[in-house]
């Protein structure tokens, strides 16, 4: 196992937060430079049977916040300031995978891009999250 996979396993075991748990998000890799997770479509759909756009936003916020927090280190909190999600394609089943990578990592601001794909590798959504990195109080 790589260090990123070890950290993801620890975070999965200790909890990723109540909403991420409810959504079925499973971390596969976790580092400041790349966070990868899957989420099932089943249980996260809107009335038409498609993956809910808000579920995509939850995945973006979860992965982006984690990447920002890992960049900030143990003395910083990552607090979301802005989120934007563009939906390119619908998903009706299986798992989707989110890959978060930094766009900009500073001392007080981290901007993260998250690309969400289906099991065929098709991009279904692209999100950006900007986080404030604040000292723990």
Protein backbone atom coordinates (compact mmCIF):
# COMPACT_ATOMS: atom_id res chain seq x y z
CA UNK A 1 0.00 0.00 0.00
CA UNK A 2 1.15 3.53 -0.72
CA UNK A 3 1.17 6.29 1.87
CA UNK A 4 -1.87 7.86 0.11
CA UNK A 5 -3.77 4.56 0.33
CA UNK A 6 -2.76 4.13 3.99
CA UNK A 7 -4.12 7.59 4.84
CA UNK A 8 -7.33 6.90 2.91
CA UNK A 9 -7.80 3.64 4.86
CA UNK A 10 -7.35 5.47 8.18
CA UNK A 11 -9.83 8.18 7.17
CA UNK A 12 -12.37 5.57 5.99
CA UNK A 13 -12.02 3.75 9.32
CA UNK A 14 -12.17 6.84 11.56
CA UNK A 15 -14.96 8.49 9.61
CA UNK A 16 -15.19 11.06 6.86
CA UNK A 17 -18.15 12.86 8.36
CA UNK A 18 -21.81 11.92 8.68
CA UNK A 19 -22.87 13.14 5.23
CA UNK A 20 -20.00 11.45 3.38
CA UNK A 21 -20.80 8.22 5.24
CA UNK A 22 -24.52 8.50 4.37
CA UNK A 23 -23.66 9.11 0.70
CA UNK A 24 -21.44 6.00 0.62
CA UNK A 25 -18.25 7.89 -0.24
CA UNK A 26 -15.17 5.64 0.03
CA UNK A 27 -11.70 7.16 -0.08
CA UNK A 28 -9.12 5.35 -2.21
CA UNK A 29 -6.19 7.81 -2.02
CA UNK A 30 -5.57 10.90 0.08
CA UNK A 31 -2.77 13.45 -0.15
CA UNK A 32 -2.59 17.22 -0.59
CA UNK A 33 -1.89 16.69 -4.30
CA UNK A 34 -4.50 14.04 -5.09
CA UNK A 35 -7.60 12.74 -3.35
CA UNK A 36 -9.59 9.92 -4.99
CA UNK A 37 -12.90 8.45 -3.86
CA UNK A 38 -15.90 6.56 -5.17
CA UNK A 39 -19.60 7.09 -4.53
CA UNK A 40 -22.51 4.83 -5.51
CA UNK A 41 -25.21 6.23 -7.75
CA UNK A 42 -27.82 4.05 -6.02
CA UNK A 43 -29.26 5.90 -3.05
CA UNK A 44 -28.04 9.25 -4.38
CA UNK A 45 -30.53 9.82 -7.20
CA UNK A 46 -33.17 12.41 -7.98
CA UNK A 47 -36.77 11.49 -8.98
CA UNK A 48 -35.78 10.67 -12.59
CA UNK A 49 -33.37 7.97 -11.43
CA UNK A 50 -30.28 10.03 -12.31
CA UNK A 51 -27.43 10.83 -9.96
CA UNK A 52 -28.51 13.95 -8.08
CA UNK A 53 -26.50 17.07 -8.92
CA UNK A 54 -26.31 17.80 -5.21
CA UNK A 55 -24.62 14.43 -4.71
CA UNK A 56 -21.94 15.55 -7.17
CA UNK A 57 -21.55 18.73 -5.11
CA UNK A 58 -21.17 16.69 -1.90
CA UNK A 59 -18.42 14.63 -3.54
CA UNK A 60 -16.65 17.80 -4.75
CA UNK A 61 -16.87 19.45 -1.31
CA UNK A 62 -15.73 16.30 0.50
CA UNK A 63 -12.69 15.65 -1.69
CA UNK A 64 -11.75 19.30 -2.15
CA UNK A 65 -11.97 20.06 1.57
CA UNK A 66 -9.87 17.03 2.41
CA UNK A 67 -7.19 18.00 -0.13
CA UNK A 68 -7.14 21.56 1.22
CA UNK A 69 -6.93 20.33 4.83
CA UNK A 70 -4.05 17.98 3.98
CA UNK A 71 -2.24 20.87 2.30
CA UNK A 72 -2.87 23.16 5.29
CA UNK A 73 -1.56 20.61 7.77
CA UNK A 74 -2.61 19.76 11.31
CA UNK A 75 -2.75 23.36 12.55
CA UNK A 76 -5.19 24.60 9.90
CA UNK A 77 -8.91 24.20 9.24
CA UNK A 78 -10.13 24.11 5.64
CA UNK A 79 -13.40 26.03 5.33
CA UNK A 80 -15.28 26.11 2.04
CA UNK A 81 -15.74 29.59 0.57
CA UNK A 82 -17.07 28.83 -2.90
CA UNK A 83 -18.20 25.76 -4.81
CA UNK A 84 -19.09 25.40 -8.48
CA UNK A 85 -20.19 22.18 -10.20
CA UNK A 86 -20.86 21.77 -13.91
CA UNK A 87 -22.70 18.61 -14.95
CA UNK A 88 -21.59 17.14 -18.28
CA UNK A 89 -23.39 13.78 -18.38
CA UNK A 90 -25.90 11.83 -16.31
CA UNK A 91 -25.22 8.64 -14.37
CA UNK A 92 -27.90 6.03 -13.66
CA UNK A 93 -26.02 3.25 -11.89
CA UNK A 94 -22.75 1.87 -10.64
CA UNK A 95 -20.06 3.94 -9.00
CA UNK A 96 -18.74 7.36 -9.84
CA UNK A 97 -15.15 8.32 -9.07
CA UNK A 98 -13.96 11.75 -8.02
CA UNK A 99 -10.35 12.86 -8.42
CA UNK A 100 -9.35 16.07 -6.67
CA UNK A 101 -6.21 17.94 -7.69
CA UNK A 102 -5.00 21.39 -6.68
CA UNK A 103 -5.38 24.40 -8.93
CA UNK A 104 -3.69 26.70 -6.41
CA UNK A 105 -2.28 26.01 -2.95
CA UNK A 106 -1.41 29.05 -0.85
CA UNK A 107 -0.93 29.87 2.82
CA UNK A 108 -4.53 31.00 3.35
CA UNK A 109 -6.44 29.87 0.24
CA UNK A 110 -6.58 26.50 -1.53
CA UNK A 111 -8.42 26.03 -4.83
CA UNK A 112 -9.14 22.44 -5.83
CA UNK A 113 -10.59 20.94 -9.02
CA UNK A 114 -12.58 17.70 -8.82
CA UNK A 115 -13.33 15.63 -11.93
CA UNK A 116 -16.09 13.04 -11.53
CA UNK A 117 -16.27 10.12 -13.97
CA UNK A 118 -18.50 7.08 -14.41
CA UNK A 119 -17.27 3.49 -14.59
CA UNK A 120 -16.64 3.87 -18.34
CA UNK A 121 -14.32 6.81 -17.68
CA UNK A 122 -16.74 9.38 -19.09
CA UNK A 123 -16.65 12.75 -17.33
CA UNK A 124 -20.01 13.38 -15.72
CA UNK A 125 -19.18 16.50 -13.70
CA UNK A 126 -16.42 18.99 -13.00
CA UNK A 127 -16.27 20.98 -9.80
CA UNK A 128 -14.11 23.62 -8.22
CA UNK A 129 -13.88 24.32 -4.51
CA UNK A 130 -12.11 27.25 -2.88
CA UNK A 131 -11.24 26.88 0.81
CA UNK A 132 -9.99 29.29 3.43
CA UNK A 133 -7.14 27.81 5.48
CA UNK A 134 -7.61 29.15 9.01
CA UNK A 135 -5.71 28.44 12.21
CA UNK A 136 -7.54 26.08 14.57
CA UNK A 137 -9.20 27.98 17.37
